[in-house]
Amino acid sequence: MARGWDGLEIGDRVKYETSENRFVVGEVIHLYVSDKSRARIKTDEGKEKDVICEYCEKV
């Protein structure tokens, strides 16, 4: 697992703040090489979502 993306690693549990000021909790499943500020998480509801890493915090 590579370091980067504001200290996130694949497998980390994160809390993401959406534009509606809601929080979504999930696990990092992909870190984008082409854009090191983006990651893909799998939410606790089972959905995949692209997120901006600066709005994530480790849980």
PDB file of N, CA and C in Angstrom:
ATOM      1  N   MET A   1       0.846  -1.185   0.000  1.00  0.00           N
ATOM      2  CA  MET A   1       0.000   0.000   0.000  1.00  0.00           C
ATOM      3  C   MET A   1       0.887   1.243   0.000  1.00  0.00           C
ATOM      4  N   ALA A   2       0.632   2.089  -0.935  1.00  0.00           N
ATOM      5  CA  ALA A   2       1.453   3.296  -1.083  1.00  0.00           C
ATOM      6  C   ALA A   2       0.932   4.424  -0.201  1.00  0.00           C
ATOM      7  N   ARG A   3       1.871   5.182   0.329  1.00  0.00           N
ATOM      8  CA  ARG A   3       1.524   6.370   1.103  1.00  0.00           C
ATOM      9  C   ARG A   3       1.220   7.509   0.151  1.00  0.00           C
ATOM     10  N   GLY A   4       0.445   8.452   0.603  1.00  0.00           N
ATOM     11  CA  GLY A   4       0.136   9.620  -0.213  1.00  0.00           C
ATOM     12  C   GLY A   4      -1.289  10.043   0.021  1.00  0.00           C
ATOM     13  N   TRP A   5      -1.791  10.899  -0.847  1.00  0.00           N
ATOM     14  CA  TRP A   5      -3.186  11.290  -0.779  1.00  0.00           C
ATOM     15  C   TRP A   5      -3.558  11.771   0.621  1.00  0.00           C
ATOM     16  N   ASP A   6      -2.804  12.743   1.109  1.00  0.00           N
ATOM     17  CA  ASP A   6      -3.015  13.324   2.434  1.00  0.00           C
ATOM     18  C   ASP A   6      -2.907  12.281   3.549  1.00  0.00           C
ATOM     19  N   GLY A   7      -2.026  11.308   3.388  1.00  0.00           N
ATOM     20  CA  GLY A   7      -1.795  10.315   4.431  1.00  0.00           C
ATOM     21  C   GLY A   7      -2.750   9.139   4.410  1.00  0.00           C
ATOM     22  N   LEU A   8      -3.621   9.044   3.415  1.00  0.00           N
ATOM     23  CA  LEU A   8      -4.555   7.926   3.333  1.00  0.00           C
ATOM     24  C   LEU A   8      -3.901   6.734   2.658  1.00  0.00           C
ATOM     25  N   GLU A   9      -4.343   5.543   3.043  1.00  0.00           N
ATOM     26  CA  GLU A   9      -3.896   4.303   2.424  1.00  0.00           C
ATOM     27  C   GLU A   9      -5.121   3.494   2.056  1.00  0.00           C
ATOM     28  N   ILE A  10      -4.958   2.600   1.096  1.00  0.00           N
ATOM     29  CA  ILE A  10      -6.045   1.687   0.755  1.00  0.00           C
ATOM     30  C   ILE A  10      -6.367   0.857   1.994  1.00  0.00           C
ATOM     31  N   GLY A  11      -7.647   0.739   2.302  1.00  0.00           N
ATOM     32  CA  GLY A  11      -8.085  -0.013   3.478  1.00  0.00           C
ATOM     33  C   GLY A  11      -8.417   0.860   4.672  1.00  0.00           C
ATOM     34  N   ASP A  12      -8.011   2.133   4.648  1.00  0.00           N
ATOM     35  CA  ASP A  12      -8.331   3.048   5.753  1.00  0.00           C
ATOM     36  C   ASP A  12      -9.830   3.325   5.806  1.00  0.00           C
ATOM     37  N   ARG A  13     -10.360   3.423   7.009  1.00  0.00           N
ATOM     38  CA  ARG A  13     -11.756   3.847   7.201  1.00  0.00           C
ATOM     39  C   ARG A  13     -11.746   5.360   7.320  1.00  0.00           C
ATOM     40  N   VAL A  14     -12.635   6.012   6.565  1.00  0.00           N
ATOM     41  CA  VAL A  14     -12.681   7.466   6.552  1.00  0.00           C
ATOM     42  C   VAL A  14     -14.110   7.961   6.714  1.00  0.00           C
ATOM     43  N   LYS A  15     -14.189   9.201   7.169  1.00  0.00           N
ATOM     44  CA  LYS A  15     -15.461   9.923   7.243  1.00  0.00           C
ATOM     45  C   LYS A  15     -15.328  11.076   6.261  1.00  0.00           C
ATOM     46  N   TYR A  16     -16.291  11.192   5.330  1.00  0.00           N
ATOM     47  CA  TYR A  16     -16.240  12.191   4.267  1.00  0.00           C
ATOM     48  C   TYR A  16     -17.395  13.165   4.440  1.00  0.00           C
ATOM     49  N   GLU A  17     -17.089  14.462   4.390  1.00  0.00           N
ATOM     50  CA  GLU A  17     -18.133  15.484   4.492  1.00  0.00           C
ATOM     51  C   GLU A  17     -18.594  15.862   3.091  1.00  0.00           C
ATOM     52  N   THR A  18     -19.890  15.679   2.810  1.00  0.00           N
ATOM     53  CA  THR A  18     -20.441  15.987   1.488  1.00  0.00           C
ATOM     54  C   THR A  18     -20.753  17.473   1.374  1.00  0.00           C
ATOM     55  N   SER A  19     -21.121  17.892   0.166  1.00  0.00           N
ATOM     56  CA  SER A  19     -21.468  19.301  -0.058  1.00  0.00           C
ATOM     57  C   SER A  19     -22.751  19.693   0.672  1.00  0.00           C
ATOM     58  N   GLU A  20     -23.567  18.715   1.069  1.00  0.00           N
ATOM     59  CA  GLU A  20     -24.788  18.989   1.839  1.00  0.00           C
ATOM     60  C   GLU A  20     -24.527  18.961   3.344  1.00  0.00           C
ATOM     61  N   ASN A  21     -23.254  18.999   3.745  1.00  0.00           N
ATOM     62  CA  ASN A  21     -22.836  18.948   5.153  1.00  0.00           C
ATOM     63  C   ASN A  21     -23.297  17.675   5.855  1.00  0.00           C
ATOM     64  N   ARG A  22     -23.372  16.565   5.109  1.00  0.00           N
ATOM     65  CA  ARG A  22     -23.634  15.246   5.664  1.00  0.00           C
ATOM     66  C   ARG A  22     -22.311  14.507   5.746  1.00  0.00           C
ATOM     67  N   PHE A  23     -22.257  13.506   6.589  1.00  0.00           N
ATOM     68  CA  PHE A  23     -21.053  12.686   6.690  1.00  0.00           C
ATOM     69  C   PHE A  23     -21.344  11.288   6.163  1.00  0.00           C
ATOM     70  N   VAL A  24     -20.433  10.785   5.344  1.00  0.00           N
ATOM     71  CA  VAL A  24     -20.507   9.438   4.795  1.00  0.00           C
ATOM     72  C   VAL A  24     -19.280   8.692   5.303  1.00  0.00           C
ATOM     73  N   VAL A  25     -19.488   7.489   5.838  1.00  0.00           N
ATOM     74  CA  VAL A  25     -18.382   6.683   6.359  1.00  0.00           C
ATOM     75  C   VAL A  25     -18.150   5.522   5.397  1.00  0.00           C
ATOM     76  N   GLY A  26     -16.867   5.252   5.119  1.00  0.00           N
ATOM     77  CA  GLY A  26     -16.547   4.150   4.226  1.00  0.00           C
ATOM     78  C   GLY A  26     -15.085   3.774   4.299  1.00  0.00           C
ATOM     79  N   GLU A  27     -14.689   2.876   3.397  1.00  0.00           N
ATOM     80  CA  GLU A  27     -13.317   2.363   3.340  1.00  0.00           C
ATOM     81  C   GLU A  27     -12.696   2.749   2.003  1.00  0.00           C
ATOM     82  N   VAL A  28     -11.452   3.219   2.039  1.00  0.00           N
ATOM     83  CA  VAL A  28     -10.747   3.590   0.815  1.00  0.00           C
ATOM     84  C   VAL A  28     -10.451   2.315   0.023  1.00  0.00           C
ATOM     85  N   ILE A  29     -10.913   2.272  -1.241  1.00  0.00           N
ATOM     86  CA  ILE A  29     -10.664   1.096  -2.083  1.00  0.00           C
ATOM     87  C   ILE A  29      -9.784   1.421  -3.283  1.00  0.00           C
ATOM     88  N   HIS A  30      -9.597   2.718  -3.587  1.00  0.00           N
ATOM     89  CA  HIS A  30      -8.774   3.099  -4.741  1.00  0.00           C
ATOM     90  C   HIS A  30      -8.221   4.499  -4.532  1.00  0.00           C
ATOM     91  N   LEU A  31      -6.945   4.676  -4.839  1.00  0.00           N
ATOM     92  CA  LEU A  31      -6.314   5.997  -4.815  1.00  0.00           C
ATOM     93  C   LEU A  31      -5.918   6.325  -6.246  1.00  0.00           C
ATOM     94  N   TYR A  32      -6.397   7.434  -6.780  1.00  0.00           N
ATOM     95  CA  TYR A  32      -6.157   7.794  -8.178  1.00  0.00           C
ATOM     96  C   TYR A  32      -4.731   8.278  -8.385  1.00  0.00           C
ATOM     97  N   VAL A  33      -4.030   7.688  -9.344  1.00  0.00           N
ATOM     98  CA  VAL A  33      -2.663   8.082  -9.666  1.00  0.00           C
ATOM     99  C   VAL A  33      -2.667   9.405 -10.424  1.00  0.00           C
ATOM    100  N   SER A  34      -3.637   9.593 -11.308  1.00  0.00           N
ATOM    101  CA  SER A  34      -3.683  10.793 -12.144  1.00  0.00           C
ATOM    102  C   SER A  34      -4.077  12.046 -11.370  1.00  0.00           C
ATOM    103  N   ASP A  35      -4.727  11.881 -10.225  1.00  0.00           N
ATOM    104  CA  ASP A  35      -5.177  13.027  -9.426  1.00  0.00           C
ATOM    105  C   ASP A  35      -5.013  12.648  -7.959  1.00  0.00           C
ATOM    106  N   LYS A  36      -3.903  13.059  -7.355  1.00  0.00           N
ATOM    107  CA  LYS A  36      -3.586  12.612  -5.997  1.00  0.00           C
ATOM    108  C   LYS A  36      -4.437  13.265  -4.920  1.00  0.00           C
ATOM    109  N   SER A  37      -5.447  14.039  -5.317  1.00  0.00           N
ATOM    110  CA  SER A  37      -6.371  14.579  -4.321  1.00  0.00           C
ATOM    111  C   SER A  37      -7.675  13.787  -4.310  1.00  0.00           C
ATOM    112  N   ARG A  38      -7.787  12.739  -5.144  1.00  0.00           N
ATOM    113  CA  ARG A  38      -9.022  11.955  -5.231  1.00  0.00           C
ATOM    114  C   ARG A  38      -8.809  10.517  -4.793  1.00  0.00           C
ATOM    115  N   ALA A  39      -9.876   9.974  -4.225  1.00  0.00           N
ATOM    116  CA  ALA A  39      -9.891   8.560  -3.851  1.00  0.00           C
ATOM    117  C   ALA A  39     -11.295   8.026  -4.099  1.00  0.00           C
ATOM    118  N   ARG A  40     -11.426   6.708  -4.127  1.00  0.00           N
ATOM    119  CA  ARG A  40     -12.740   6.072  -4.224  1.00  0.00           C
ATOM    120  C   ARG A  40     -12.952   5.314  -2.926  1.00  0.00           C
ATOM    121  N   ILE A  41     -14.128   5.493  -2.328  1.00  0.00           N
ATOM    122  CA  ILE A  41     -14.456   4.766  -1.103  1.00  0.00           C
ATOM    123  C   ILE A  41     -15.668   3.883  -1.348  1.00  0.00           C
ATOM    124  N   LYS A  42     -15.777   2.833  -0.548  1.00  0.00           N
ATOM    125  CA  LYS A  42     -16.977   2.004  -0.520  1.00  0.00           C
ATOM    126  C   LYS A  42     -17.670   2.334   0.787  1.00  0.00           C
ATOM    127  N   THR A  43     -18.868   2.898   0.685  1.00  0.00           N
ATOM    128  CA  THR A  43     -19.576   3.354   1.873  1.00  0.00           C
ATOM    129  C   THR A  43     -20.119   2.174   2.667  1.00  0.00           C
ATOM    130  N   ASP A  44     -20.539   2.444   3.886  1.00  0.00           N
ATOM    131  CA  ASP A  44     -21.129   1.401   4.724  1.00  0.00           C
ATOM    132  C   ASP A  44     -22.427   0.869   4.128  1.00  0.00           C
ATOM    133  N   GLU A  45     -23.054   1.654   3.220  1.00  0.00           N
ATOM    134  CA  GLU A  45     -24.275   1.218   2.534  1.00  0.00           C
ATOM    135  C   GLU A  45     -23.958   0.348   1.323  1.00  0.00           C
ATOM    136  N   GLY A  46     -22.654   0.171   1.002  1.00  0.00           N
ATOM    137  CA  GLY A  46     -22.240  -0.676  -0.103  1.00  0.00           C
ATOM    138  C   GLY A  46     -22.060   0.043  -1.428  1.00  0.00           C
ATOM    139  N   LYS A  47     -22.211   1.358  -1.454  1.00  0.00           N
ATOM    140  CA  LYS A  47     -22.058   2.130  -2.691  1.00  0.00           C
ATOM    141  C   LYS A  47     -20.624   2.625  -2.820  1.00  0.00           C
ATOM    142  N   GLU A  48     -20.150   2.739  -4.077  1.00  0.00           N
ATOM    143  CA  GLU A  48     -18.829   3.305  -4.327  1.00  0.00           C
ATOM    144  C   GLU A  48     -18.984   4.777  -4.656  1.00  0.00           C
ATOM    145  N   LYS A  49     -18.066   5.607  -4.137  1.00  0.00           N
ATOM    146  CA  LYS A  49     -18.167   7.055  -4.298  1.00  0.00           C
ATOM    147  C   LYS A  49     -16.773   7.641  -4.440  1.00  0.00           C
ATOM    148  N   ASP A  50     -16.594   8.519  -5.448  1.00  0.00           N
ATOM    149  CA  ASP A  50     -15.336   9.259  -5.585  1.00  0.00           C
ATOM    150  C   ASP A  50     -15.371  10.448  -4.639  1.00  0.00           C
ATOM    151  N   VAL A  51     -14.273  10.683  -3.939  1.00  0.00           N
ATOM    152  CA  VAL A  51     -14.218  11.765  -2.953  1.00  0.00           C
ATOM    153  C   VAL A  51     -12.925  12.559  -3.116  1.00  0.00           C
ATOM    154  N   ILE A  52     -12.939  13.787  -2.606  1.00  0.00           N
ATOM    155  CA  ILE A  52     -11.751  14.631  -2.539  1.00  0.00           C
ATOM    156  C   ILE A  52     -11.124  14.392  -1.166  1.00  0.00           C
ATOM    157  N   CYS A  53      -9.861  13.998  -1.147  1.00  0.00           N
ATOM    158  CA  CYS A  53      -9.204  13.567   0.096  1.00  0.00           C
ATOM    159  C   CYS A  53      -9.156  14.645   1.173  1.00  0.00           C
ATOM    160  N   GLU A  54      -9.092  15.907   0.795  1.00  0.00           N
ATOM    161  CA  GLU A  54      -8.994  16.948   1.817  1.00  0.00           C
ATOM    162  C   GLU A  54     -10.271  17.056   2.654  1.00  0.00           C
ATOM    163  N   TYR A  55     -11.379  16.464   2.192  1.00  0.00           N
ATOM    164  CA  TYR A  55     -12.626  16.472   2.959  1.00  0.00           C
ATOM    165  C   TYR A  55     -12.826  15.176   3.734  1.00  0.00           C
ATOM    166  N   CYS A  56     -11.795  14.314   3.766  1.00  0.00           N
ATOM    167  CA  CYS A  56     -11.855  13.043   4.493  1.00  0.00           C
ATOM    168  C   CYS A  56     -11.065  13.151   5.791  1.00  0.00           C
ATOM    169  N   GLU A  57     -11.507  12.400   6.766  1.00  0.00           N
ATOM    170  CA  GLU A  57     -10.701  12.244   7.978  1.00  0.00           C
ATOM    171  C   GLU A  57     -10.789  10.788   8.403  1.00  0.00           C
ATOM    172  N   LYS A  58      -9.661  10.262   8.897  1.00  0.00           N
ATOM    173  CA  LYS A  58      -9.627   8.860   9.317  1.00  0.00           C
ATOM    174  C   LYS A  58     -10.550   8.656  10.503  1.00  0.00           C
ATOM    175  N   VAL A  59     -11.194   7.486  10.510  1.00  0.00           N
ATOM    176  CA  VAL A  59     -12.101   7.132  11.608  1.00  0.00           C
ATOM    177  C   VAL A  59     -11.389   6.146  12.502  1.00  0.00           C
TER     178      VAL A  59
END
